[in-house]
C-alpha atoms as a PDB file:
ATOM      1  CA  UNK A   1      18.595 -36.460   1.822  1.00  0.00           C
ATOM      2  CA  UNK A   2      17.780 -32.806   1.185  1.00  0.00           C
ATOM      3  CA  UNK A   3      19.941 -30.792  -1.202  1.00  0.00           C
ATOM      4  CA  UNK A   4      20.218 -27.122  -2.036  1.00  0.00           C
ATOM      5  CA  UNK A   5      21.461 -25.738  -5.301  1.00  0.00           C
ATOM      6  CA  UNK A   6      24.554 -23.567  -5.254  1.00  0.00           C
ATOM      7  CA  UNK A   7      24.302 -20.204  -6.991  1.00  0.00           C
ATOM      8  CA  UNK A   8      25.636 -16.684  -6.695  1.00  0.00           C
ATOM      9  CA  UNK A   9      23.452 -14.741  -4.244  1.00  0.00           C
ATOM     10  CA  UNK A  10      21.263 -11.882  -5.422  1.00  0.00           C
ATOM     11  CA  UNK A  11      21.969  -8.702  -3.466  1.00  0.00           C
ATOM     12  CA  UNK A  12      19.154  -7.403  -1.263  1.00  0.00           C
ATOM     13  CA  UNK A  13      18.110  -3.880  -0.284  1.00  0.00           C
ATOM     14  CA  UNK A  14      15.873  -2.465   2.428  1.00  0.00           C
ATOM     15  CA  UNK A  15      13.188  -0.217   0.932  1.00  0.00           C
ATOM     16  CA  UNK A  16      11.740   2.519   3.129  1.00  0.00           C
ATOM     17  CA  UNK A  17       8.642   4.388   1.910  1.00  0.00           C
ATOM     18  CA  UNK A  18       6.684   7.037   3.803  1.00  0.00           C
ATOM     19  CA  UNK A  19       3.189   7.432   2.348  1.00  0.00           C
ATOM     20  CA  UNK A  20      -0.266   8.738   3.314  1.00  0.00           C
ATOM     21  CA  UNK A  21      -2.253   6.296   5.480  1.00  0.00           C
ATOM     22  CA  UNK A  22      -5.100   5.920   3.008  1.00  0.00           C
ATOM     23  CA  UNK A  23      -2.660   4.879   0.242  1.00  0.00           C
ATOM     24  CA  UNK A  24      -0.563   2.456   2.353  1.00  0.00           C
ATOM     25  CA  UNK A  25      -2.320  -0.687   1.050  1.00  0.00           C
ATOM     26  CA  UNK A  26      -1.999   0.587  -2.530  1.00  0.00           C
ATOM     27  CA  UNK A  27       1.756   1.147  -2.178  1.00  0.00           C
ATOM     28  CA  UNK A  28       2.196  -2.133  -0.314  1.00  0.00           C
ATOM     29  CA  UNK A  29       0.652  -4.008  -3.245  1.00  0.00           C
ATOM     30  CA  UNK A  30       2.960  -2.214  -5.703  1.00  0.00           C
ATOM     31  CA  UNK A  31       5.995  -3.192  -3.619  1.00  0.00           C
ATOM     32  CA  UNK A  32       4.790  -6.783  -3.258  1.00  0.00           C
ATOM     33  CA  UNK A  33       4.383  -7.054  -7.050  1.00  0.00           C
ATOM     34  CA  UNK A  34       8.163  -6.524  -7.315  1.00  0.00           C
ATOM     35  CA  UNK A  35       9.008  -9.752  -5.453  1.00  0.00           C
ATOM     36  CA  UNK A  36       9.098  -8.352  -1.923  1.00  0.00           C
ATOM     37  CA  UNK A  37       8.306 -11.270   0.402  1.00  0.00           C
ATOM     38  CA  UNK A  38       8.745  -9.340   3.657  1.00  0.00           C
ATOM     39  CA  UNK A  39       7.043  -6.042   4.536  1.00  0.00           C
ATOM     40  CA  UNK A  40       6.385  -4.143   7.746  1.00  0.00           C
ATOM     41  CA  UNK A  41       4.178  -1.107   8.163  1.00  0.00           C
ATOM     42  CA  UNK A  42       3.941   1.295  11.068  1.00  0.00           C
ATOM     43  CA  UNK A  43       2.493   4.672  11.902  1.00  0.00           C
ATOM     44  CA  UNK A  44       4.767   7.606  11.106  1.00  0.00           C
ATOM     45  CA  UNK A  45       4.843  11.384  10.974  1.00  0.00           C
ATOM     46  CA  UNK A  46       5.853  13.479   8.008  1.00  0.00           C
ATOM     47  CA  UNK A  47       8.711  15.961   8.109  1.00  0.00           C
ATOM     48  CA  UNK A  48       6.391  18.971   8.312  1.00  0.00           C
ATOM     49  CA  UNK A  49       4.592  18.080  11.539  1.00  0.00           C
ATOM     50  CA  UNK A  50       6.479  20.675  13.641  1.00  0.00           C
ATOM     51  CA  UNK A  51       5.826  23.579  11.274  1.00  0.00           C
ATOM     52  CA  UNK A  52       2.168  22.634  10.842  1.00  0.00           C
ATOM     53  CA  UNK A  53       1.654  22.364  14.595  1.00  0.00           C
ATOM     54  CA  UNK A  54       3.034  25.903  15.073  1.00  0.00           C
ATOM     55  CA  UNK A  55       0.503  27.143  12.524  1.00  0.00           C
ATOM     56  CA  UNK A  56      -2.348  25.241  14.147  1.00  0.00           C
ATOM     57  CA  UNK A  57      -2.813  23.020  11.119  1.00  0.00           C
ATOM     58  CA  UNK A  58      -3.092  19.256  11.139  1.00  0.00           C
ATOM     59  CA  UNK A  59      -1.198  16.954   8.870  1.00  0.00           C
ATOM     60  CA  UNK A  60      -2.376  13.760   7.248  1.00  0.00           C
ATOM     61  CA  UNK A  61      -1.282  10.621   9.107  1.00  0.00           C
ATOM     62  CA  UNK A  62       1.553   8.739   7.426  1.00  0.00           C
ATOM     63  CA  UNK A  63       2.602   5.093   7.220  1.00  0.00           C
ATOM     64  CA  UNK A  64       6.176   3.852   7.027  1.00  0.00           C
ATOM     65  CA  UNK A  65       6.507   0.786   4.795  1.00  0.00           C
ATOM     66  CA  UNK A  66       9.693  -1.240   5.270  1.00  0.00           C
ATOM     67  CA  UNK A  67      10.342  -3.966   2.701  1.00  0.00           C
ATOM     68  CA  UNK A  68      13.186  -6.239   1.671  1.00  0.00           C
ATOM     69  CA  UNK A  69      13.591  -6.139  -2.124  1.00  0.00           C
ATOM     70  CA  UNK A  70      16.038  -7.654  -4.569  1.00  0.00           C
ATOM     71  CA  UNK A  71      18.706  -5.259  -5.818  1.00  0.00           C
ATOM     72  CA  UNK A  72      17.755  -5.950  -9.453  1.00  0.00           C
ATOM     73  CA  UNK A  73      14.140  -4.918  -8.718  1.00  0.00           C
ATOM     74  CA  UNK A  74      14.969  -1.862  -6.567  1.00  0.00           C
ATOM     75  CA  UNK A  75      15.689   0.716  -9.348  1.00  0.00           C
ATOM     76  CA  UNK A  76      12.516  -0.219 -11.259  1.00  0.00           C
ATOM     77  CA  UNK A  77      10.488  -0.071  -8.061  1.00  0.00           C
ATOM     78  CA  UNK A  78      11.902   3.310  -6.990  1.00  0.00           C
ATOM     79  CA  UNK A  79      11.153   4.696 -10.476  1.00  0.00           C
ATOM     80  CA  UNK A  80       7.581   3.355 -10.351  1.00  0.00           C
ATOM     81  CA  UNK A  81       7.031   4.791  -6.872  1.00  0.00           C
ATOM     82  CA  UNK A  82       8.448   8.153  -7.995  1.00  0.00           C
ATOM     83  CA  UNK A  83       6.020   8.241 -10.937  1.00  0.00           C
ATOM     84  CA  UNK A  84       3.137   7.333  -8.633  1.00  0.00           C
ATOM     85  CA  UNK A  85       4.108  10.049  -6.117  1.00  0.00           C
ATOM     86  CA  UNK A  86       3.589  12.589  -8.921  1.00  0.00           C
ATOM     87  CA  UNK A  87      -0.040  11.523  -9.581  1.00  0.00           C
ATOM     88  CA  UNK A  88      -1.520  14.004  -7.142  1.00  0.00           C
ATOM     89  CA  UNK A  89      -1.647  15.394  -3.637  1.00  0.00           C
ATOM     90  CA  UNK A  90      -2.864  12.191  -1.933  1.00  0.00           C
ATOM     91  CA  UNK A  91      -0.231  10.073  -3.685  1.00  0.00           C
ATOM     92  CA  UNK A  92       2.794  11.998  -2.379  1.00  0.00           C
ATOM     93  CA  UNK A  93       5.483  10.140  -0.523  1.00  0.00           C
ATOM     94  CA  UNK A  94       9.182   9.490  -0.053  1.00  0.00           C
ATOM     95  CA  UNK A  95      11.031   6.257  -0.869  1.00  0.00           C
ATOM     96  CA  UNK A  96      14.662   5.160  -0.730  1.00  0.00           C
ATOM     97  CA  UNK A  97      16.704   1.969  -0.371  1.00  0.00           C
ATOM     98  CA  UNK A  98      19.615   0.907   1.818  1.00  0.00           C
ATOM     99  CA  UNK A  99      21.879  -1.987   0.794  1.00  0.00           C
ATOM    100  CA  UNK A 100      21.921  -5.068   3.021  1.00  0.00           C
ATOM    101  CA  UNK A 101      25.422  -6.455   3.394  1.00  0.00           C
ATOM    102  CA  UNK A 102      24.642  -9.874   4.860  1.00  0.00           C
ATOM    103  CA  UNK A 103      21.819 -12.272   5.651  1.00  0.00           C
ATOM    104  CA  UNK A 104      22.283 -15.315   7.868  1.00  0.00           C
ATOM    105  CA  UNK A 105      21.073 -18.617   6.466  1.00  0.00           C
ATOM    106  CA  UNK A 106      20.396 -19.891   2.976  1.00  0.00           C
ATOM    107  CA  UNK A 107      16.690 -20.490   3.581  1.00  0.00           C
ATOM    108  CA  UNK A 108      16.188 -17.020   5.083  1.00  0.00           C
ATOM    109  CA  UNK A 109      18.020 -15.492   2.146  1.00  0.00           C
ATOM    110  CA  UNK A 110      15.917 -17.533  -0.309  1.00  0.00           C
ATOM    111  CA  UNK A 111      12.698 -16.288   1.307  1.00  0.00           C
ATOM    112  CA  UNK A 112      13.793 -12.646   1.330  1.00  0.00           C
ATOM    113  CA  UNK A 113      15.055 -12.817  -2.267  1.00  0.00           C
ATOM    114  CA  UNK A 114      11.906 -14.670  -3.405  1.00  0.00           C
ATOM    115  CA  UNK A 115      14.239 -17.300  -4.851  1.00  0.00           C
ATOM    116  CA  UNK A 116      12.535 -20.679  -5.019  1.00  0.00           C
ATOM    117  CA  UNK A 117      15.797 -22.356  -6.097  1.00  0.00           C
ATOM    118  CA  UNK A 118      17.185 -22.118  -2.545  1.00  0.00           C
ATOM    119  CA  UNK A 119      14.332 -24.158  -1.059  1.00  0.00           C
ATOM    120  CA  UNK A 120      15.334 -27.649   0.038  1.00  0.00           C
ATOM    121  CA  UNK A 121      14.199 -30.397  -2.272  1.00  0.00           C
ATOM    122  CA  UNK A 122      13.149 -33.832  -1.087  1.00  0.00           C
ATOM    123  CA  UNK A 123      15.202 -36.742  -2.468  1.00  0.00           C
END
């Protein structure tokens, strides 16, 4: 019979990061190194696209990275991303987190929290 271990759940947050296309894989690897098991990426536009279009200038394409991260990892990750954004022009970006209030299912939660203790064990 399979058993799961009872423990207090780790809070989760949704991390949103808007970065330059050519640095998307770089930022994705940074986020993944902080125990993010689930990430999505999609094409995005920066906040200046309207002003630049009026001036006849083109902007660099952006990527929106959406990741589920543990709340204990989120502050360290945001700080690391902030430091990386300051490296230079091509490293610029925006990142923030939103708290998740509930997740349905122990196994889903365990995957998102990268918590191997919630995985069912064989008897």
